[in-house]
Amino acid sequence: MFAVTATQTDPDNPLAGLTLGEHPEPKVPDGWTTVTVRAAALNHHDLWTLKGVGIRQDRLPIVLGCDAAGLDEDGNEVIVHSVIGTGADETLDPKRSLLSETHDGTFAERVVVPRRNLVPKPAALSFEEAACLPTAWLTAYRMLFEKSGLEPGSTVLVQGAGGGVATALIALGRAGGYRVWATSRSEDKRARALQLGADQVFEPGARLPERVDAVMETVGQATWDHSLKSLRPGGRIVVSGATSGAVPPADLNRVFFLQLSVVGSTMGTRDQLGRLARFLEQTGLRPMIDRTLPLAGAREGFAAMHGGDVFGKIVFTL
């Protein structure tokens, strides 16, 4: 079958290990099932894998991709939940993994997953839209609606508008009744964030009109100081990524004096993925898709993400 794989890793030239071509058909363990992939979405996780982050070298070559929507063995339209784990909250399983870390991922004609990892796809969502949900949109859903602890009407600052999680946070926040502010270095991306539903946009580090109730943080080191200074007393930062660096100065004096909270968030549960799909079905909200490419053109999508030339999700179709 045709697949997109990581055959080597290189932190300086990640696309050097990106290989497109024939790959062996997946074997199906007991309790697992095969999904015929119709659409799959690109995430920074895939780029990090090519850089050698979070992947053991003895796992190579491995099929990339966390997100997919397609058809199960009975022809039902499904969304693939990419967290492989056990328990009521599989994200807390210390042995959990994402597709493309231990098991082959979704950038292939077929992917094998545990049967419990399949979520029905609402008919109102296209395969391309549904493929955007399992990583970026599920991460944003959990950050906003579980981890933030906020009621609708609260003010949320989204750092680094443009990426998949950030655009999902803006869109979900608007649909959920939050007042959403966003930052970006790019004037074009700030304008597009307003179109997406942000109430106000700012340059990174800008002084805000008032302090916010929570900050949604995926950038990390480059924005951390601004995130802390933007919070009202008792406010909360929800962290789900650190693309610019993971060890910023903690500024503990500010944290304890203003009684700030820092909460980590990783992905979401299968049940939350199902609720997210229903949320989109009921509200009419749809993921922002930057571009759609055939899987055979995956290199173009990876290059765009590597260069930062993305607003929303890059989707591959089969």
C-alpha atoms as a PDB file:
ATOM      1  CA  MET A   1       0.000   0.000   0.000  1.00  0.00           C
ATOM      2  CA  PHE A   2       1.073   3.618  -0.476  1.00  0.00           C
ATOM      3  CA  ALA A   3       2.287   5.357   2.694  1.00  0.00           C
ATOM      4  CA  VAL A   4       4.286   8.324   3.993  1.00  0.00           C
ATOM      5  CA  THR A   5       6.984   7.182   6.401  1.00  0.00           C
ATOM      6  CA  ALA A   6       9.848   8.443   8.517  1.00  0.00           C
ATOM      7  CA  THR A   7      12.933   6.493   7.472  1.00  0.00           C
ATOM      8  CA  GLN A   8      15.514   8.589   9.342  1.00  0.00           C
ATOM      9  CA  THR A   9      15.603  11.582  11.683  1.00  0.00           C
ATOM     10  CA  ASP A  10      17.504  14.843  11.431  1.00  0.00           C
ATOM     11  CA  PRO A  11      16.843  17.811  13.754  1.00  0.00           C
ATOM     12  CA  ASP A  12      18.284  20.282  11.240  1.00  0.00           C
ATOM     13  CA  ASN A  13      16.840  18.847   8.029  1.00  0.00           C
ATOM     14  CA  PRO A  14      13.734  16.888   9.039  1.00  0.00           C
ATOM     15  CA  LEU A  15      12.363  16.510   5.519  1.00  0.00           C
ATOM     16  CA  ALA A  16      15.409  14.421   4.588  1.00  0.00           C
ATOM     17  CA  GLY A  17      13.814  11.437   6.311  1.00  0.00           C
ATOM     18  CA  LEU A  18      10.389  11.853   4.686  1.00  0.00           C
ATOM     19  CA  THR A  19       9.774   8.911   2.346  1.00  0.00           C
ATOM     20  CA  LEU A  20       6.788   8.337   0.070  1.00  0.00           C
ATOM     21  CA  GLY A  21       6.131   4.958  -1.525  1.00  0.00           C
ATOM     22  CA  GLU A  22       5.068   1.379  -1.003  1.00  0.00           C
ATOM     23  CA  HIS A  23       4.856   0.019   2.547  1.00  0.00           C
ATOM     24  CA  PRO A  24       3.835  -3.435   3.811  1.00  0.00           C
ATOM     25  CA  GLU A  25       0.177  -3.992   4.645  1.00  0.00           C
ATOM     26  CA  PRO A  26      -0.498  -3.647   8.396  1.00  0.00           C
ATOM     27  CA  LYS A  27      -0.966  -6.732  10.564  1.00  0.00           C
ATOM     28  CA  VAL A  28      -4.117  -6.782  12.702  1.00  0.00           C
ATOM     29  CA  PRO A  29      -3.657  -7.864  16.371  1.00  0.00           C
ATOM     30  CA  ASP A  30      -6.547  -9.289  18.379  1.00  0.00           C
ATOM     31  CA  GLY A  31      -8.982  -6.548  19.376  1.00  0.00           C
ATOM     32  CA  TRP A  32      -7.766  -4.238  16.604  1.00  0.00           C
ATOM     33  CA  THR A  33      -9.365  -3.390  13.281  1.00  0.00           C
ATOM     34  CA  THR A  34      -8.510  -1.863   9.921  1.00  0.00           C
ATOM     35  CA  VAL A  35      -9.688   1.556   8.759  1.00  0.00           C
ATOM     36  CA  THR A  36      -9.535   2.552   5.100  1.00  0.00           C
ATOM     37  CA  VAL A  37      -8.269   6.128   5.262  1.00  0.00           C
ATOM     38  CA  ARG A  38     -10.141   8.775   3.279  1.00  0.00           C
ATOM     39  CA  ALA A  39      -8.466  11.855   4.797  1.00  0.00           C
ATOM     40  CA  ALA A  40      -5.628  12.502   7.255  1.00  0.00           C
ATOM     41  CA  ALA A  41      -4.377  15.735   8.828  1.00  0.00           C
ATOM     42  CA  LEU A  42      -0.820  16.927   9.393  1.00  0.00           C
ATOM     43  CA  ASN A  43       0.367  17.956  12.863  1.00  0.00           C
ATOM     44  CA  HIS A  44       3.572  19.396  14.307  1.00  0.00           C
ATOM     45  CA  HIS A  45       3.944  15.988  15.954  1.00  0.00           C
ATOM     46  CA  ASP A  46       4.784  14.570  12.512  1.00  0.00           C
ATOM     47  CA  LEU A  47       7.496  17.171  11.992  1.00  0.00           C
ATOM     48  CA  TRP A  48       8.906  16.547  15.471  1.00  0.00           C
ATOM     49  CA  THR A  49       9.100  12.831  14.672  1.00  0.00           C
ATOM     50  CA  LEU A  50      11.232  13.588  11.614  1.00  0.00           C
ATOM     51  CA  LYS A  51      13.457  15.696  13.883  1.00  0.00           C
ATOM     52  CA  GLY A  52      13.906  12.695  16.190  1.00  0.00           C
ATOM     53  CA  VAL A  53      11.768  13.936  19.088  1.00  0.00           C
ATOM     54  CA  GLY A  54       9.641  11.308  20.859  1.00  0.00           C
ATOM     55  CA  ILE A  55      10.625   8.425  18.576  1.00  0.00           C
ATOM     56  CA  ARG A  56      13.031   5.574  19.213  1.00  0.00           C
ATOM     57  CA  GLN A  57      15.379   4.863  16.338  1.00  0.00           C
ATOM     58  CA  ASP A  58      14.541   1.155  16.420  1.00  0.00           C
ATOM     59  CA  ARG A  59      10.952   2.086  15.478  1.00  0.00           C
ATOM     60  CA  LEU A  60      12.050   3.370  12.079  1.00  0.00           C
ATOM     61  CA  PRO A  61      10.779   3.166   9.435  1.00  0.00           C
ATOM     62  CA  ILE A  62       7.320   4.071  10.740  1.00  0.00           C
ATOM     63  CA  VAL A  63       4.229   5.432   9.022  1.00  0.00           C
ATOM     64  CA  LEU A  64       3.625   9.038  10.071  1.00  0.00           C
ATOM     65  CA  GLY A  65       0.292  10.627  10.954  1.00  0.00           C
ATOM     66  CA  CYS A  66      -1.956  10.798  14.030  1.00  0.00           C
ATOM     67  CA  ASP A  67      -5.269  11.935  12.541  1.00  0.00           C
ATOM     68  CA  ALA A  68      -7.616  10.182  10.147  1.00  0.00           C
ATOM     69  CA  ALA A  69     -11.203   9.712   9.088  1.00  0.00           C
ATOM     70  CA  GLY A  70     -12.346   6.876   6.894  1.00  0.00           C
ATOM     71  CA  LEU A  71     -14.335   3.663   6.665  1.00  0.00           C
ATOM     72  CA  ASP A  72     -14.263   0.764   9.109  1.00  0.00           C
ATOM     73  CA  GLU A  73     -14.420  -2.872   8.001  1.00  0.00           C
ATOM     74  CA  ASP A  74     -18.242  -2.688   7.801  1.00  0.00           C
ATOM     75  CA  GLY A  75     -18.229   0.468   5.686  1.00  0.00           C
ATOM     76  CA  ASN A  76     -19.197   2.814   8.540  1.00  0.00           C
ATOM     77  CA  GLU A  77     -17.793   6.343   8.457  1.00  0.00           C
ATOM     78  CA  VAL A  78     -15.499   6.795  11.464  1.00  0.00           C
ATOM     79  CA  ILE A  79     -12.961   9.119  13.065  1.00  0.00           C
ATOM     80  CA  VAL A  80      -9.788   7.554  14.475  1.00  0.00           C
ATOM     81  CA  HIS A  81      -8.864   8.425  18.058  1.00  0.00           C
ATOM     82  CA  SER A  82      -5.078   8.521  18.026  1.00  0.00           C
ATOM     83  CA  VAL A  83      -4.274   7.888  21.714  1.00  0.00           C
ATOM     84  CA  ILE A  84      -3.427   4.227  22.274  1.00  0.00           C
ATOM     85  CA  GLY A  85      -3.945   3.523  25.968  1.00  0.00           C
ATOM     86  CA  THR A  86      -6.186   2.021  28.608  1.00  0.00           C
ATOM     87  CA  GLY A  87      -8.377   3.271  31.435  1.00  0.00           C
ATOM     88  CA  ALA A  88     -11.219   5.760  31.734  1.00  0.00           C
ATOM     89  CA  ASP A  89      -8.793   8.504  30.667  1.00  0.00           C
ATOM     90  CA  GLU A  90      -6.283   6.935  28.313  1.00  0.00           C
ATOM     91  CA  THR A  91      -4.175  10.119  28.298  1.00  0.00           C
ATOM     92  CA  LEU A  92      -3.190   9.325  31.912  1.00  0.00           C
ATOM     93  CA  ASP A  93      -1.976   5.828  31.069  1.00  0.00           C
ATOM     94  CA  PRO A  94       1.820   5.970  31.645  1.00  0.00           C
ATOM     95  CA  LYS A  95       2.267   3.493  28.770  1.00  0.00           C
ATOM     96  CA  ARG A  96       0.116   5.451  26.324  1.00  0.00           C
ATOM     97  CA  SER A  97       1.352   6.412  22.904  1.00  0.00           C
ATOM     98  CA  LEU A  98       0.073   8.233  19.856  1.00  0.00           C
ATOM     99  CA  LEU A  99      -0.255   6.625  16.486  1.00  0.00           C
ATOM    100  CA  SER A 100       3.091   6.963  14.654  1.00  0.00           C
ATOM    101  CA  GLU A 101       5.121   6.629  17.877  1.00  0.00           C
ATOM    102  CA  THR A 102       4.934   2.882  18.566  1.00  0.00           C
ATOM    103  CA  HIS A 103       2.382   1.809  15.981  1.00  0.00           C
ATOM    104  CA  ASP A 104       2.162   2.858  12.332  1.00  0.00           C
ATOM    105  CA  GLY A 105       0.201   6.060  11.789  1.00  0.00           C
ATOM    106  CA  THR A 106      -2.503   7.300   9.466  1.00  0.00           C
ATOM    107  CA  PHE A 107      -0.602   8.571   6.389  1.00  0.00           C
ATOM    108  CA  ALA A 108      -1.373   5.406   4.456  1.00  0.00           C
ATOM    109  CA  GLU A 109      -4.160   3.766   2.536  1.00  0.00           C
ATOM    110  CA  ARG A 110      -5.019   1.712   5.621  1.00  0.00           C
ATOM    111  CA  VAL A 111      -4.347   2.027   9.350  1.00  0.00           C
ATOM    112  CA  VAL A 112      -4.818  -0.524  12.131  1.00  0.00           C
ATOM    113  CA  VAL A 113      -6.168   0.671  15.501  1.00  0.00           C
ATOM    114  CA  PRO A 114      -7.901  -0.772  18.580  1.00  0.00           C
ATOM    115  CA  ARG A 115     -11.655  -1.154  17.963  1.00  0.00           C
ATOM    116  CA  ARG A 116     -12.361   1.109  20.957  1.00  0.00           C
ATOM    117  CA  ASN A 117     -10.520   3.937  19.177  1.00  0.00           C
ATOM    118  CA  LEU A 118     -13.201   4.398  16.533  1.00  0.00           C
ATOM    119  CA  VAL A 119     -15.713   7.239  16.892  1.00  0.00           C
ATOM    120  CA  PRO A 120     -18.719   7.561  14.561  1.00  0.00           C
ATOM    121  CA  LYS A 121     -18.304  10.408  12.072  1.00  0.00           C
ATOM    122  CA  PRO A 122     -21.351  12.685  11.888  1.00  0.00           C
ATOM    123  CA  ALA A 123     -22.734  12.751   8.359  1.00  0.00           C
ATOM    124  CA  ALA A 124     -22.660  16.557   8.471  1.00  0.00           C
ATOM    125  CA  LEU A 125     -18.848  16.542   8.593  1.00  0.00           C
ATOM    126  CA  SER A 126     -16.774  15.794   5.506  1.00  0.00           C
ATOM    127  CA  PHE A 127     -13.912  13.322   5.799  1.00  0.00           C
ATOM    128  CA  GLU A 128     -11.485  16.250   5.447  1.00  0.00           C
ATOM    129  CA  GLU A 129     -13.148  18.180   8.295  1.00  0.00           C
ATOM    130  CA  ALA A 130     -13.379  15.119  10.532  1.00  0.00           C
ATOM    131  CA  ALA A 131      -9.696  14.308   9.980  1.00  0.00           C
ATOM    132  CA  CYS A 132      -8.759  17.634  11.613  1.00  0.00           C
ATOM    133  CA  LEU A 133     -10.313  16.715  14.962  1.00  0.00           C
ATOM    134  CA  PRO A 134      -8.324  13.949  16.732  1.00  0.00           C
ATOM    135  CA  THR A 135      -5.176  15.924  17.652  1.00  0.00           C
ATOM    136  CA  ALA A 136      -5.334  19.719  17.296  1.00  0.00           C
ATOM    137  CA  TRP A 137      -9.063  20.216  17.735  1.00  0.00           C
ATOM    138  CA  LEU A 138      -9.381  17.639  20.501  1.00  0.00           C
ATOM    139  CA  THR A 139      -6.452  19.266  22.321  1.00  0.00           C
ATOM    140  CA  ALA A 140      -8.118  22.682  22.031  1.00  0.00           C
ATOM    141  CA  TYR A 141     -11.510  21.312  23.121  1.00  0.00           C
ATOM    142  CA  ARG A 142     -10.063  19.861  26.314  1.00  0.00           C
ATOM    143  CA  MET A 143      -7.987  22.956  27.068  1.00  0.00           C
ATOM    144  CA  LEU A 144     -11.003  25.243  26.813  1.00  0.00           C
ATOM    145  CA  PHE A 145     -13.882  23.205  28.120  1.00  0.00           C
ATOM    146  CA  GLU A 146     -12.191  21.063  30.783  1.00  0.00           C
ATOM    147  CA  LYS A 147      -8.821  22.423  31.841  1.00  0.00           C
ATOM    148  CA  SER A 148      -9.511  26.190  31.806  1.00  0.00           C
ATOM    149  CA  GLY A 149     -12.258  25.965  34.416  1.00  0.00           C
ATOM    150  CA  LEU A 150     -13.929  28.997  32.830  1.00  0.00           C
ATOM    151  CA  GLU A 151     -17.562  29.829  32.207  1.00  0.00           C
ATOM    152  CA  PRO A 152     -18.761  31.310  28.893  1.00  0.00           C
ATOM    153  CA  GLY A 153     -18.180  35.063  28.783  1.00  0.00           C
ATOM    154  CA  SER A 154     -14.694  34.763  30.263  1.00  0.00           C
ATOM    155  CA  THR A 155     -11.719  36.297  28.444  1.00  0.00           C
ATOM    156  CA  VAL A 156      -9.136  33.925  26.981  1.00  0.00           C
ATOM    157  CA  LEU A 157      -5.808  34.826  25.371  1.00  0.00           C
ATOM    158  CA  VAL A 158      -4.558  32.468  22.646  1.00  0.00           C
ATOM    159  CA  GLN A 159      -0.824  32.763  22.020  1.00  0.00           C
ATOM    160  CA  GLY A 160       0.515  32.236  18.500  1.00  0.00           C
ATOM    161  CA  ALA A 161      -2.540  32.297  16.244  1.00  0.00           C
ATOM    162  CA  GLY A 162      -1.982  30.328  13.071  1.00  0.00           C
ATOM    163  CA  GLY A 163      -1.276  26.724  14.011  1.00  0.00           C
ATOM    164  CA  GLY A 164      -3.848  23.974  14.205  1.00  0.00           C
ATOM    165  CA  VAL A 165      -4.406  24.102  17.980  1.00  0.00           C
ATOM    166  CA  ALA A 166      -4.454  27.917  18.084  1.00  0.00           C
ATOM    167  CA  THR A 167      -6.981  28.269  15.262  1.00  0.00           C
ATOM    168  CA  ALA A 168      -9.120  25.579  16.882  1.00  0.00           C
ATOM    169  CA  LEU A 169      -8.971  27.467  20.207  1.00  0.00           C
ATOM    170  CA  ILE A 170     -10.155  30.673  18.549  1.00  0.00           C
ATOM    171  CA  ALA A 171     -13.013  28.995  16.688  1.00  0.00           C
ATOM    172  CA  LEU A 172     -14.136  26.813  19.606  1.00  0.00           C
ATOM    173  CA  GLY A 173     -13.823  29.701  22.048  1.00  0.00           C
ATOM    174  CA  ARG A 174     -16.008  31.917  19.892  1.00  0.00           C
ATOM    175  CA  ALA A 175     -18.613  29.168  19.431  1.00  0.00           C
ATOM    176  CA  GLY A 176     -18.526  28.391  23.158  1.00  0.00           C
ATOM    177  CA  GLY A 177     -19.234  31.979  24.208  1.00  0.00           C
ATOM    178  CA  TYR A 178     -15.790  33.096  25.355  1.00  0.00           C
ATOM    179  CA  ARG A 179     -14.227  36.449  24.550  1.00  0.00           C
ATOM    180  CA  VAL A 180     -11.116  35.404  22.630  1.00  0.00           C
ATOM    181  CA  TRP A 181      -7.987  37.506  22.169  1.00  0.00           C
ATOM    182  CA  ALA A 182      -5.068  36.266  20.089  1.00  0.00           C
ATOM    183  CA  THR A 183      -1.450  37.130  19.312  1.00  0.00           C
ATOM    184  CA  SER A 184       0.674  36.576  16.227  1.00  0.00           C
ATOM    185  CA  ARG A 185       3.883  37.966  14.745  1.00  0.00           C
ATOM    186  CA  SER A 186       2.180  38.040  11.342  1.00  0.00           C
ATOM    187  CA  GLU A 187      -0.145  40.895  10.424  1.00  0.00           C
ATOM    188  CA  ASP A 188      -1.881  38.590   7.949  1.00  0.00           C
ATOM    189  CA  LYS A 189      -2.456  35.911  10.589  1.00  0.00           C
ATOM    190  CA  ARG A 190      -3.817  38.508  13.029  1.00  0.00           C
ATOM    191  CA  ALA A 191      -6.301  39.618  10.379  1.00  0.00           C
ATOM    192  CA  ARG A 192      -7.317  36.025   9.693  1.00  0.00           C
ATOM    193  CA  ALA A 193      -7.721  35.382  13.435  1.00  0.00           C
ATOM    194  CA  LEU A 194     -10.276  38.197  13.526  1.00  0.00           C
ATOM    195  CA  GLN A 195     -12.127  36.605  10.626  1.00  0.00           C
ATOM    196  CA  LEU A 196     -12.067  33.306  12.487  1.00  0.00           C
ATOM    197  CA  GLY A 197     -13.765  34.805  15.549  1.00  0.00           C
ATOM    198  CA  ALA A 198     -11.164  36.517  17.727  1.00  0.00           C
ATOM    199  CA  ASP A 199     -12.480  39.698  19.379  1.00  0.00           C
ATOM    200  CA  GLN A 200      -9.102  41.439  19.395  1.00  0.00           C
ATOM    201  CA  VAL A 201      -5.606  40.612  18.136  1.00  0.00           C
ATOM    202  CA  PHE A 202      -2.198  41.817  19.265  1.00  0.00           C
ATOM    203  CA  GLU A 203       1.470  41.547  18.449  1.00  0.00           C
ATOM    204  CA  PRO A 204       3.383  39.136  20.721  1.00  0.00           C
ATOM    205  CA  GLY A 205       4.241  40.756  24.037  1.00  0.00           C
ATOM    206  CA  ALA A 206       1.837  43.665  23.550  1.00  0.00           C
ATOM    207  CA  ARG A 207       0.226  45.321  26.542  1.00  0.00           C
ATOM    208  CA  LEU A 208      -3.388  44.156  26.721  1.00  0.00           C
ATOM    209  CA  PRO A 209      -6.410  46.364  27.494  1.00  0.00           C
ATOM    210  CA  GLU A 210      -6.975  44.322  30.651  1.00  0.00           C
ATOM    211  CA  ARG A 211      -5.767  41.121  32.202  1.00  0.00           C
ATOM    212  CA  VAL A 212      -7.387  37.911  31.075  1.00  0.00           C
ATOM    213  CA  ASP A 213      -8.968  34.996  32.910  1.00  0.00           C
ATOM    214  CA  ALA A 214      -6.852  32.342  31.184  1.00  0.00           C
ATOM    215  CA  VAL A 215      -4.092  31.959  28.616  1.00  0.00           C
ATOM    216  CA  MET A 216      -3.972  29.065  26.162  1.00  0.00           C
ATOM    217  CA  GLU A 217      -0.267  28.377  25.717  1.00  0.00           C
ATOM    218  CA  THR A 218       1.245  26.237  22.966  1.00  0.00           C
ATOM    219  CA  VAL A 219       4.288  28.357  22.060  1.00  0.00           C
ATOM    220  CA  GLY A 220       6.260  28.030  25.295  1.00  0.00           C
ATOM    221  CA  GLN A 221       9.476  29.896  25.964  1.00  0.00           C
ATOM    222  CA  ALA A 222       8.951  32.778  23.514  1.00  0.00           C
ATOM    223  CA  THR A 223       5.581  33.797  24.982  1.00  0.00           C
ATOM    224  CA  TRP A 224       5.752  32.523  28.566  1.00  0.00           C
ATOM    225  CA  ASP A 225       6.660  35.833  30.213  1.00  0.00           C
ATOM    226  CA  HIS A 226       3.826  37.597  28.386  1.00  0.00           C
ATOM    227  CA  SER A 227       1.412  34.826  29.326  1.00  0.00           C
ATOM    228  CA  LEU A 228       2.177  35.185  33.032  1.00  0.00           C
ATOM    229  CA  LYS A 229       1.963  38.985  32.943  1.00  0.00           C
ATOM    230  CA  SER A 230      -1.351  38.868  31.040  1.00  0.00           C
ATOM    231  CA  LEU A 231      -3.235  36.949  33.750  1.00  0.00           C
ATOM    232  CA  ARG A 232      -5.534  38.467  36.332  1.00  0.00           C
ATOM    233  CA  PRO A 233      -4.916  37.435  39.967  1.00  0.00           C
ATOM    234  CA  GLY A 234      -6.100  33.865  40.331  1.00  0.00           C
ATOM    235  CA  GLY A 235      -5.877  33.289  36.568  1.00  0.00           C
ATOM    236  CA  ARG A 236      -4.734  30.155  34.832  1.00  0.00           C
ATOM    237  CA  ILE A 237      -2.363  29.140  32.038  1.00  0.00           C
ATOM    238  CA  VAL A 238      -3.288  25.955  30.205  1.00  0.00           C
ATOM    239  CA  VAL A 239      -0.235  24.464  28.492  1.00  0.00           C
ATOM    240  CA  SER A 240      -0.401  21.853  25.749  1.00  0.00           C
ATOM    241  CA  GLY A 241       2.844  22.532  23.895  1.00  0.00           C
ATOM    242  CA  ALA A 242       6.133  24.402  23.826  1.00  0.00           C
ATOM    243  CA  THR A 243       7.199  24.714  20.205  1.00  0.00           C
ATOM    244  CA  SER A 244       9.663  27.547  20.929  1.00  0.00           C
ATOM    245  CA  GLY A 245      11.295  25.918  23.956  1.00  0.00           C
ATOM    246  CA  ALA A 246      10.266  24.129  27.134  1.00  0.00           C
ATOM    247  CA  VAL A 247      12.359  25.783  29.869  1.00  0.00           C
ATOM    248  CA  PRO A 248      11.431  29.479  30.222  1.00  0.00           C
ATOM    249  CA  PRO A 249      12.071  31.340  33.503  1.00  0.00           C
ATOM    250  CA  ALA A 250       9.249  30.259  35.822  1.00  0.00           C
ATOM    251  CA  ASP A 251       8.831  33.654  37.592  1.00  0.00           C
ATOM    252  CA  LEU A 252       7.637  31.859  40.723  1.00  0.00           C
ATOM    253  CA  ASN A 253       7.244  35.120  42.676  1.00  0.00           C
ATOM    254  CA  ARG A 254       4.493  36.196  40.287  1.00  0.00           C
ATOM    255  CA  VAL A 255       2.925  32.734  40.346  1.00  0.00           C
ATOM    256  CA  PHE A 256       2.535  32.507  44.115  1.00  0.00           C
ATOM    257  CA  PHE A 257       1.885  36.198  44.834  1.00  0.00           C
ATOM    258  CA  LEU A 258      -0.958  36.413  42.295  1.00  0.00           C
ATOM    259  CA  GLN A 259      -2.056  32.814  43.026  1.00  0.00           C
ATOM    260  CA  LEU A 260      -1.790  31.807  39.395  1.00  0.00           C
ATOM    261  CA  SER A 261      -2.345  28.250  38.196  1.00  0.00           C
ATOM    262  CA  VAL A 262      -0.393  26.398  35.537  1.00  0.00           C
ATOM    263  CA  VAL A 263      -2.238  23.362  34.177  1.00  0.00           C
ATOM    264  CA  GLY A 264      -0.933  20.831  31.705  1.00  0.00           C
ATOM    265  CA  SER A 265      -3.173  19.333  29.044  1.00  0.00           C
ATOM    266  CA  THR A 266      -2.434  16.549  26.579  1.00  0.00           C
ATOM    267  CA  MET A 267      -4.793  15.474  23.817  1.00  0.00           C
ATOM    268  CA  GLY A 268      -8.197  14.234  25.074  1.00  0.00           C
ATOM    269  CA  THR A 269     -10.205  11.091  25.605  1.00  0.00           C
ATOM    270  CA  ARG A 270     -12.172   9.056  23.094  1.00  0.00           C
ATOM    271  CA  ASP A 271     -15.400  10.249  24.726  1.00  0.00           C
ATOM    272  CA  GLN A 272     -14.290  13.880  24.388  1.00  0.00           C
ATOM    273  CA  LEU A 273     -13.555  13.282  20.695  1.00  0.00           C
ATOM    274  CA  GLY A 274     -17.119  12.052  20.289  1.00  0.00           C
ATOM    275  CA  ARG A 275     -18.494  15.105  22.092  1.00  0.00           C
ATOM    276  CA  LEU A 276     -16.311  17.403  19.982  1.00  0.00           C
ATOM    277  CA  ALA A 277     -17.714  15.877  16.794  1.00  0.00           C
ATOM    278  CA  ARG A 278     -21.261  16.404  18.090  1.00  0.00           C
ATOM    279  CA  PHE A 279     -20.399  19.985  19.091  1.00  0.00           C
ATOM    280  CA  LEU A 280     -19.407  20.753  15.513  1.00  0.00           C
ATOM    281  CA  GLU A 281     -22.475  18.975  14.191  1.00  0.00           C
ATOM    282  CA  GLN A 282     -24.810  20.979  16.447  1.00  0.00           C
ATOM    283  CA  THR A 283     -23.175  24.398  16.089  1.00  0.00           C
ATOM    284  CA  GLY A 284     -22.243  24.295  12.410  1.00  0.00           C
ATOM    285  CA  LEU A 285     -18.642  25.134  13.319  1.00  0.00           C
ATOM    286  CA  ARG A 286     -16.041  23.643  10.990  1.00  0.00           C
ATOM    287  CA  PRO A 287     -12.231  23.368  11.159  1.00  0.00           C
ATOM    288  CA  MET A 288     -10.145  25.941   9.324  1.00  0.00           C
ATOM    289  CA  ILE A 289      -8.353  24.047   6.541  1.00  0.00           C
ATOM    290  CA  ASP A 290      -5.267  25.783   5.165  1.00  0.00           C
ATOM    291  CA  ARG A 291      -4.928  23.477   2.163  1.00  0.00           C
ATOM    292  CA  THR A 292      -5.931  20.027   0.947  1.00  0.00           C
ATOM    293  CA  LEU A 293      -3.383  17.883  -0.887  1.00  0.00           C
ATOM    294  CA  PRO A 294      -3.303  14.317  -2.180  1.00  0.00           C
ATOM    295  CA  LEU A 295      -1.251  12.064   0.082  1.00  0.00           C
ATOM    296  CA  ALA A 296       1.203  11.694  -2.791  1.00  0.00           C
ATOM    297  CA  GLY A 297       1.843  15.451  -2.411  1.00  0.00           C
ATOM    298  CA  ALA A 298       2.583  15.221   1.309  1.00  0.00           C
ATOM    299  CA  ARG A 299       6.072  16.694   0.932  1.00  0.00           C
ATOM    300  CA  GLU A 300       4.534  20.046  -0.019  1.00  0.00           C
ATOM    301  CA  GLY A 301       2.468  20.039   3.166  1.00  0.00           C
ATOM    302  CA  PHE A 302       5.426  19.141   5.374  1.00  0.00           C
ATOM    303  CA  ALA A 303       7.515  21.884   3.756  1.00  0.00           C
ATOM    304  CA  ALA A 304       4.788  24.454   4.396  1.00  0.00           C
ATOM    305  CA  MET A 305       4.524  23.486   8.066  1.00  0.00           C
ATOM    306  CA  HIS A 306       8.309  23.466   8.446  1.00  0.00           C
ATOM    307  CA  GLY A 307       8.431  26.987   6.983  1.00  0.00           C
ATOM    308  CA  GLY A 308       5.582  28.290   9.162  1.00  0.00           C
ATOM    309  CA  ASP A 309       3.440  29.023   6.109  1.00  0.00           C
ATOM    310  CA  VAL A 310       0.222  27.646   7.618  1.00  0.00           C
ATOM    311  CA  PHE A 311      -3.036  29.000   9.004  1.00  0.00           C
ATOM    312  CA  GLY A 312      -5.254  26.143  10.111  1.00  0.00           C
ATOM    313  CA  LYS A 313      -4.895  22.503   9.152  1.00  0.00           C
ATOM    314  CA  ILE A 314      -3.156  20.779   6.247  1.00  0.00           C
ATOM    315  CA  VAL A 315      -5.181  17.784   5.109  1.00  0.00           C
ATOM    316  CA  PHE A 316      -4.133  14.869   2.900  1.00  0.00           C
ATOM    317  CA  THR A 317      -6.721  12.942   0.925  1.00  0.00           C
ATOM    318  CA  LEU A 318      -6.705   9.453  -0.536  1.00  0.00           C
END
